[in-house]
Structure formats: structure tokens, C-alpha cells
Amino acid sequence: MDKKNGGKTEIGKQFEYNQYTRSFFENNPQLSREDCIKCWNHKKKKIGNHKYEKDDLKILKK
């Protein structure tokens, strides 16, 4: 799909930050960009999967 037809463009696997950001805001539209960045910075330091998960929000409560 493309933006012109109202769809979302596909994000390549190599663009983990962009994928993370999209998923983060789809699940948390009320949160800020700064919240997203805090969660991403914490997530990218971990080994393994860097996809958004609900548990990533725990870092915001610290």
C-alpha cells in the first residue's frame, strides 16, 4: 500500500527505529515523542528483538 491511497508504506527490516516508532504510537497515541525515544533507547541496548512490546513502557515509570 502507499500513502496516496490511504495506506501505510512498508518499512524495511533494516529500519528498526522506524518500525518501533510506528508500533509504539499505534499502541500509545497519547504518549509523547520523548516517551518513545526513552523506550527505544532502553530497548536497543538489549540483546535480541527490538520490536515494540507493551512491557517497554515500564521504563517510563522509573
Protein backbone atom coordinates (compact mmCIF):
# COMPACT_ATOMS: atom_id res chain seq x y z
CA MET A 1 0.00 0.00 0.00
CA ASP A 2 1.05 3.57 -0.39
CA LYS A 3 0.23 6.84 1.35
CA LYS A 4 -1.59 8.26 -1.67
CA ASN A 5 -4.26 5.57 -1.37
CA GLY A 6 -4.67 5.97 2.40
CA GLY A 7 -2.46 3.02 3.36
CA LYS A 8 0.78 2.82 5.20
CA THR A 9 4.06 2.23 3.44
CA GLU A 10 6.03 -0.85 4.36
CA ILE A 11 9.09 -0.23 6.49
CA GLY A 12 12.14 -2.34 5.64
CA LYS A 13 13.60 -4.69 8.26
CA GLN A 14 16.78 -2.63 8.49
CA PHE A 15 14.85 0.39 9.80
CA GLU A 16 14.21 -0.91 13.32
CA TYR A 17 13.76 2.54 14.85
CA ASN A 18 11.07 3.48 12.32
CA GLN A 19 9.25 0.18 12.85
CA TYR A 20 9.46 0.62 16.61
CA THR A 21 8.16 4.19 16.43
CA ARG A 22 5.18 3.23 14.28
CA SER A 23 4.21 0.37 16.58
CA PHE A 24 4.75 2.48 19.69
CA PHE A 25 2.36 5.21 18.53
CA GLU A 26 -0.22 2.78 17.16
CA ASN A 27 -0.44 1.35 20.68
CA ASN A 28 0.11 4.59 22.64
CA PRO A 29 -1.17 7.60 20.68
CA GLN A 30 -1.44 9.62 23.90
CA LEU A 31 2.28 9.40 24.67
CA SER A 32 4.94 11.83 23.51
CA ARG A 33 7.86 11.51 21.13
CA GLU A 34 10.18 11.82 24.13
CA ASP A 35 8.46 8.81 25.73
CA CYS A 36 9.00 6.83 22.55
CA ILE A 37 12.68 7.78 22.41
CA LYS A 38 13.21 6.78 26.07
CA CYS A 39 11.65 3.39 25.42
CA TRP A 40 13.62 2.90 22.18
CA ASN A 41 16.95 3.82 23.80
CA HIS A 42 16.32 1.30 26.56
CA LYS A 43 15.16 -1.40 24.12
CA LYS A 44 18.04 -1.07 21.65
CA LYS A 45 20.59 -1.73 24.41
CA LYS A 46 19.12 -5.19 24.98
CA ILE A 47 20.19 -8.25 23.06
CA GLY A 48 17.61 -9.77 20.77
CA ASN A 49 14.36 -8.47 19.37
CA HIS A 50 13.99 -4.70 19.07
CA LYS A 51 10.28 -4.68 18.26
CA TYR A 52 7.84 -2.72 20.41
CA GLU A 53 6.27 -4.65 23.28
CA LYS A 54 3.83 -3.39 25.93
CA ASP A 55 6.45 -4.13 28.64
CA ASP A 56 8.70 -1.43 27.13
CA LEU A 57 6.54 1.15 28.91
CA LYS A 58 7.92 0.03 32.29
CA ILE A 59 10.97 2.23 31.70
CA LEU A 60 8.70 5.32 31.79
CA LYS A 61 7.59 4.57 35.35
CA LYS A 62 11.12 4.78 36.76
